[in-house]
């Protein structure tokens, strides 16, 4: 089933106290291009994020935005050294006793004057891995959401493309029915012209048939019609294949356009010319839509 190159995916995941929120946006591009905006905790994982995206997306310009939050960020960045607290408390008590100030009440503010009671909270040595685990899970979930939206858009594209292909096939049937009728018309017109030129002279039937055979070969579009019908069938088949087919559809549309142009130039008929114009209009719409196909 074909997929569009445009889409959006958002997901959130948690690991080791980290919460990662990921947003992915994709637009049209001939190739797979990935741009990332990562927090410092996982900045060195840029290559791995790009690999995750490219494993899931064949074509399109994808932007990845990651926000990372940690429960530890809202907690204290320092902790208390209990041994230092007890040491300073004993020291203060000794000072009070030595100074004969036992009746002076002890105040917490007395301890808070010693800054070395507080020590930095030790960092989690696995914090980087926890952060990456949260981001990786969020990216994978976001890619699933992005792919689902691209497939949904692809369904609409498929319906539009099939409708255009059906219209071209209907026009092709008109051409195939019309071309055989051209020979009798041309024969009558050629005979009349020859008789007018030769006036009363009789037209050599052998010479006339030779000319008709030459003209019939020039206006015969059987091969072009057969190839065009084959391209239409291949186009339909490609729309239902699971892999990315944007480039294949683009190639087939170019080949169809080549056959349609040849049919128009060889047929040399006003009615066929009108039908060919309609086919070319449908092909132009197909080319526009293919630009959106992965």
Protein backbone atom coordinates (compact mmCIF):
# COMPACT_ATOMS: atom_id res chain seq x y z
CA UNK A 1 0.00 0.00 0.00
CA UNK A 2 1.46 3.39 -0.98
CA UNK A 3 2.25 6.03 1.61
CA UNK A 4 2.38 9.80 1.45
CA UNK A 5 5.60 11.63 2.25
CA UNK A 6 3.79 14.18 4.41
CA UNK A 7 2.81 13.39 7.98
CA UNK A 8 3.15 14.06 11.70
CA UNK A 9 3.85 11.81 14.66
CA UNK A 10 4.09 12.52 18.38
CA UNK A 11 4.91 10.15 21.24
CA UNK A 12 6.13 10.07 24.82
CA UNK A 13 8.14 7.43 26.69
CA UNK A 14 9.73 7.02 30.11
CA UNK A 15 12.85 5.22 31.35
CA UNK A 16 14.92 5.50 34.53
CA UNK A 17 13.23 8.69 35.70
CA UNK A 18 13.49 10.41 32.30
CA UNK A 19 10.44 11.34 30.22
CA UNK A 20 11.07 11.94 26.49
CA UNK A 21 8.57 13.69 24.22
CA UNK A 22 9.23 13.39 20.49
CA UNK A 23 7.59 15.14 17.54
CA UNK A 24 8.30 14.13 13.94
CA UNK A 25 7.22 16.02 10.83
CA UNK A 26 7.80 14.90 7.25
CA UNK A 27 7.41 16.68 3.92
CA UNK A 28 8.21 15.83 0.31
CA UNK A 29 11.77 15.16 -0.82
CA UNK A 30 13.40 13.10 -3.54
CA UNK A 31 15.53 11.35 -0.93
CA UNK A 32 15.40 10.57 2.79
CA UNK A 33 16.72 13.60 4.69
CA UNK A 34 16.67 13.78 8.49
CA UNK A 35 17.24 16.80 10.72
CA UNK A 36 17.29 16.49 14.52
CA UNK A 37 17.00 18.76 17.52
CA UNK A 38 18.18 16.86 20.60
CA UNK A 39 18.77 17.82 24.25
CA UNK A 40 22.36 17.81 25.51
CA UNK A 41 21.86 14.53 27.41
CA UNK A 42 21.52 12.60 24.14
CA UNK A 43 23.22 14.96 21.69
CA UNK A 44 25.87 12.35 20.88
CA UNK A 45 23.11 9.94 19.80
CA UNK A 46 22.24 11.97 16.70
CA UNK A 47 23.51 9.28 14.32
CA UNK A 48 21.44 6.61 16.03
CA UNK A 49 18.29 8.74 15.86
CA UNK A 50 18.86 9.29 12.14
CA UNK A 51 19.33 5.55 11.66
CA UNK A 52 16.01 4.82 13.39
CA UNK A 53 14.24 7.27 11.08
CA UNK A 54 15.89 5.98 7.90
CA UNK A 55 15.01 2.40 8.80
CA UNK A 56 11.34 3.44 8.88
CA UNK A 57 11.21 6.06 6.11
CA UNK A 58 12.39 5.63 2.52
CA UNK A 59 11.71 9.10 1.14
CA UNK A 60 10.88 12.48 2.62
CA UNK A 61 12.45 15.27 4.66
CA UNK A 62 11.88 14.36 8.32
CA UNK A 63 12.48 16.72 11.24
CA UNK A 64 12.83 15.23 14.73
CA UNK A 65 12.35 17.35 17.84
CA UNK A 66 13.06 15.80 21.27
CA UNK A 67 12.23 17.21 24.70
CA UNK A 68 13.66 15.46 27.75
CA UNK A 69 12.53 15.90 31.34
CA UNK A 70 13.88 14.24 34.47
CA UNK A 71 12.33 13.85 37.90
CA UNK A 72 15.75 14.47 39.46
CA UNK A 73 15.84 17.96 37.98
CA UNK A 74 13.01 19.01 40.29
CA UNK A 75 14.73 17.48 43.33
CA UNK A 76 17.51 18.96 45.38
CA UNK A 77 20.82 19.26 43.59
CA UNK A 78 22.61 18.94 46.95
CA UNK A 79 22.33 16.66 49.96
CA UNK A 80 23.27 16.93 53.66
CA UNK A 81 26.42 15.39 55.11
CA UNK A 82 25.12 13.82 58.40
CA UNK A 83 28.63 13.25 59.79
CA UNK A 84 29.50 16.92 59.34
CA UNK A 85 26.26 17.98 61.03
CA UNK A 86 27.01 15.83 64.10
CA UNK A 87 30.60 17.04 64.24
CA UNK A 88 29.64 20.71 64.17
CA UNK A 89 26.85 20.15 66.72
CA UNK A 90 29.32 18.58 69.15
CA UNK A 91 31.74 21.40 68.52
CA UNK A 92 29.07 24.01 69.27
CA UNK A 93 28.07 22.21 72.45
CA UNK A 94 31.70 22.16 73.59
CA UNK A 95 31.97 25.89 72.92
CA UNK A 96 28.81 26.59 74.94
CA UNK A 97 30.11 24.44 77.83
CA UNK A 98 33.56 26.02 77.78
CA UNK A 99 32.03 29.48 77.74
CA UNK A 100 29.57 28.65 80.49
CA UNK A 101 26.64 29.30 78.23
CA UNK A 102 24.80 26.04 78.73
CA UNK A 103 21.55 27.95 79.29
CA UNK A 104 21.76 29.59 75.86
CA UNK A 105 19.35 27.70 73.55
CA UNK A 106 20.77 25.96 70.52
CA UNK A 107 19.56 27.47 67.19
CA UNK A 108 19.51 25.75 63.80
CA UNK A 109 20.81 28.95 62.31
CA UNK A 110 24.08 28.29 64.17
CA UNK A 111 24.65 25.17 62.06
CA UNK A 112 23.52 26.70 58.78
CA UNK A 113 26.50 29.02 58.91
CA UNK A 114 28.76 26.11 57.98
CA UNK A 115 28.49 25.63 54.15
CA UNK A 116 30.33 22.31 54.10
CA UNK A 117 27.30 20.65 55.72
CA UNK A 118 25.90 20.43 52.21
CA UNK A 119 27.51 18.33 49.49
CA UNK A 120 26.55 17.96 45.80
CA UNK A 121 24.19 15.13 45.06
CA UNK A 122 26.14 12.38 43.25
CA UNK A 123 25.16 11.98 39.63
CA UNK A 124 23.62 8.74 38.42
CA UNK A 125 26.35 7.01 36.35
CA UNK A 126 23.61 5.42 34.21
CA UNK A 127 21.71 8.66 33.61
CA UNK A 128 22.90 8.89 30.00
CA UNK A 129 21.72 5.39 29.20
CA UNK A 130 18.36 5.98 30.90
CA UNK A 131 17.88 9.20 28.94
CA UNK A 132 18.71 7.48 25.66
CA UNK A 133 16.37 4.58 26.46
CA UNK A 134 13.50 7.04 26.95
CA UNK A 135 14.34 8.92 23.75
CA UNK A 136 14.73 5.75 21.69
CA UNK A 137 11.36 4.41 22.80
CA UNK A 138 9.69 7.75 22.11
CA UNK A 139 11.27 8.01 18.64
CA UNK A 140 10.14 4.49 17.75
CA UNK A 141 6.59 5.18 18.93
CA UNK A 142 6.59 8.52 17.11
CA UNK A 143 7.70 6.84 13.90
CA UNK A 144 4.80 4.41 14.19
CA UNK A 145 2.39 7.33 14.52
CA UNK A 146 4.07 9.12 11.61
CA UNK A 147 3.89 6.02 9.41
CA UNK A 148 0.21 5.50 10.27
CA UNK A 149 -0.61 9.03 9.17
CA UNK A 150 1.45 8.68 5.99
CA UNK A 151 -0.38 5.45 5.15
CA UNK A 152 -3.72 7.16 5.75
CA UNK A 153 -2.72 9.95 3.39
CA UNK A 154 -1.56 7.26 0.97
CA UNK A 155 -5.06 5.77 0.84
CA UNK A 156 -6.43 9.08 -0.41
CA UNK A 157 -3.61 9.31 -2.97
CA UNK A 158 -4.28 5.77 -4.14
CA UNK A 159 -7.97 6.54 -4.73
CA UNK A 160 -7.09 9.66 -6.71
CA UNK A 161 -4.44 7.89 -8.82
CA UNK A 162 -6.66 4.90 -9.59
CA UNK A 163 -9.41 7.23 -10.75
CA UNK A 164 -7.00 8.92 -13.16
CA UNK A 165 -5.71 5.58 -14.43
CA UNK A 166 -9.29 4.41 -15.07
CA UNK A 167 -9.98 7.59 -17.04
CA UNK A 168 -6.88 7.07 -19.19
CA UNK A 169 -7.88 3.46 -19.82
CA UNK A 170 -11.37 4.58 -20.90
CA UNK A 171 -9.80 7.11 -23.27
CA UNK A 172 -7.50 4.41 -24.62
CA UNK A 173 -10.55 2.27 -25.46
CA UNK A 174 -11.94 5.20 -27.48
CA UNK A 175 -8.66 5.44 -29.41
CA UNK A 176 -8.57 1.69 -30.08
CA UNK A 177 -12.13 1.82 -31.42
CA UNK A 178 -11.57 4.94 -33.49
CA UNK A 179 -8.30 4.16 -35.30
CA UNK A 180 -9.59 1.21 -37.41
CA UNK A 181 -12.35 3.46 -38.74
CA UNK A 182 -9.80 5.86 -40.10
CA UNK A 183 -8.63 3.62 -42.96
CA UNK A 184 -11.93 3.57 -44.94
CA UNK A 185 -12.23 7.31 -44.49
CA UNK A 186 -8.69 7.87 -45.71
CA UNK A 187 -9.21 5.48 -48.63
CA UNK A 188 -12.32 7.34 -49.80
CA UNK A 189 -10.67 10.72 -49.41
CA UNK A 190 -7.54 9.58 -51.27
CA UNK A 191 -9.57 8.05 -54.09
CA UNK A 192 -11.56 11.26 -54.50
CA UNK A 193 -8.42 13.37 -54.59
CA UNK A 194 -6.81 11.14 -57.18
CA UNK A 195 -9.90 11.19 -59.33
CA UNK A 196 -10.04 14.97 -59.11
CA UNK A 197 -6.42 15.19 -60.12
CA UNK A 198 -6.70 12.69 -62.95
CA UNK A 199 -10.18 13.90 -63.90
CA UNK A 200 -11.74 11.10 -65.99
CA UNK A 201 -8.80 8.73 -65.82
CA UNK A 202 -9.29 5.56 -63.89
CA UNK A 203 -7.43 5.14 -60.63
CA UNK A 204 -5.05 2.21 -60.56
CA UNK A 205 -6.43 0.02 -57.73
CA UNK A 206 -3.02 -1.61 -57.11
CA UNK A 207 -1.38 1.77 -56.72
CA UNK A 208 -4.18 2.87 -54.43
CA UNK A 209 -3.76 -0.19 -52.21
CA UNK A 210 -0.02 0.37 -52.03
CA UNK A 211 -0.61 3.92 -50.85
CA UNK A 212 -3.20 2.71 -48.37
CA UNK A 213 -0.82 0.11 -46.95
CA UNK A 214 1.79 2.81 -46.46
CA UNK A 215 -0.69 5.14 -44.78
CA UNK A 216 -2.09 2.34 -42.61
CA UNK A 217 1.41 1.56 -41.36
CA UNK A 218 2.01 5.22 -40.53
CA UNK A 219 -1.18 5.65 -38.54
CA UNK A 220 -1.12 2.23 -36.82
CA UNK A 221 -0.88 2.75 -33.06
CA UNK A 222 -1.48 -0.84 -32.02
CA UNK A 223 1.93 -1.26 -30.42
CA UNK A 224 1.60 2.02 -28.56
CA UNK A 225 -1.85 1.06 -27.26
CA UNK A 226 -0.58 -2.34 -26.11
CA UNK A 227 2.38 -0.77 -24.27
CA UNK A 228 0.19 1.91 -22.73
CA UNK A 229 -2.27 -0.69 -21.45
CA UNK A 230 0.64 -2.67 -20.00
CA UNK A 231 1.93 0.45 -18.20
CA UNK A 232 -1.54 1.05 -16.76
CA UNK A 233 -1.63 -2.50 -15.38
CA UNK A 234 1.85 -2.15 -13.87
CA UNK A 235 0.84 1.16 -12.32
CA UNK A 236 -2.15 -0.46 -10.61
CA UNK A 237 -0.01 -3.31 -9.33
CA UNK A 238 2.57 -0.90 -7.93
CA UNK A 239 -0.10 0.92 -5.93
CA UNK A 240 -0.70 -2.25 -3.90
CA UNK A 241 2.90 -3.25 -3.23
CA UNK A 242 4.19 -2.79 0.35
CA UNK A 243 7.51 -1.15 -0.49
CA UNK A 244 8.12 2.48 -1.46
CA UNK A 245 7.11 2.90 -5.11
CA UNK A 246 7.28 6.65 -5.71
CA UNK A 247 10.21 6.41 -8.13
CA UNK A 248 8.63 3.47 -9.97
CA UNK A 249 5.35 5.33 -10.39
CA UNK A 250 7.25 8.34 -11.68
CA UNK A 251 9.04 6.19 -14.27
CA UNK A 252 5.76 4.57 -15.39
CA UNK A 253 4.08 7.95 -15.76
CA UNK A 254 6.92 9.10 -18.03
CA UNK A 255 6.57 5.98 -20.17
CA UNK A 256 2.80 6.44 -20.39
CA UNK A 257 3.29 10.03 -21.45
CA UNK A 258 5.67 8.87 -24.19
CA UNK A 259 3.11 6.43 -25.60
CA UNK A 260 0.28 8.97 -25.44
CA UNK A 261 2.36 11.53 -27.34
CA UNK A 262 3.18 8.97 -30.04
CA UNK A 263 -0.48 7.98 -30.37
CA UNK A 264 -1.44 11.62 -30.83
CA UNK A 265 1.20 12.28 -33.49
CA UNK A 266 0.63 9.07 -35.47
CA UNK A 267 -3.17 8.98 -35.46
CA UNK A 268 -3.50 12.36 -37.17
CA UNK A 269 -7.19 12.56 -36.34
CA UNK A 270 -9.17 15.36 -34.67
CA UNK A 271 -11.25 13.00 -32.51
CA UNK A 272 -8.20 11.08 -31.35
CA UNK A 273 -6.41 14.37 -30.72
CA UNK A 274 -9.16 15.44 -28.30
CA UNK A 275 -8.91 12.11 -26.47
CA UNK A 276 -5.12 12.40 -26.30
CA UNK A 277 -5.42 15.86 -24.74
CA UNK A 278 -7.69 14.42 -22.05
CA UNK A 279 -5.20 11.61 -21.37
CA UNK A 280 -2.33 14.09 -21.08
CA UNK A 281 -4.31 16.19 -18.62
CA UNK A 282 -4.87 13.11 -16.44
CA UNK A 283 -1.19 12.24 -16.70
CA UNK A 284 -0.21 15.72 -15.52
CA UNK A 285 -2.44 15.30 -12.48
CA UNK A 286 -0.89 11.89 -11.84
CA UNK A 287 2.62 13.37 -11.97
CA UNK A 288 1.61 16.05 -9.46
CA UNK A 289 0.22 13.45 -7.05
CA UNK A 290 3.22 11.14 -7.43
CA UNK A 291 5.39 13.92 -6.00
CA UNK A 292 3.68 13.14 -2.68
CA UNK A 293 4.21 9.36 -2.82
CA UNK A 294 7.00 7.76 -0.78
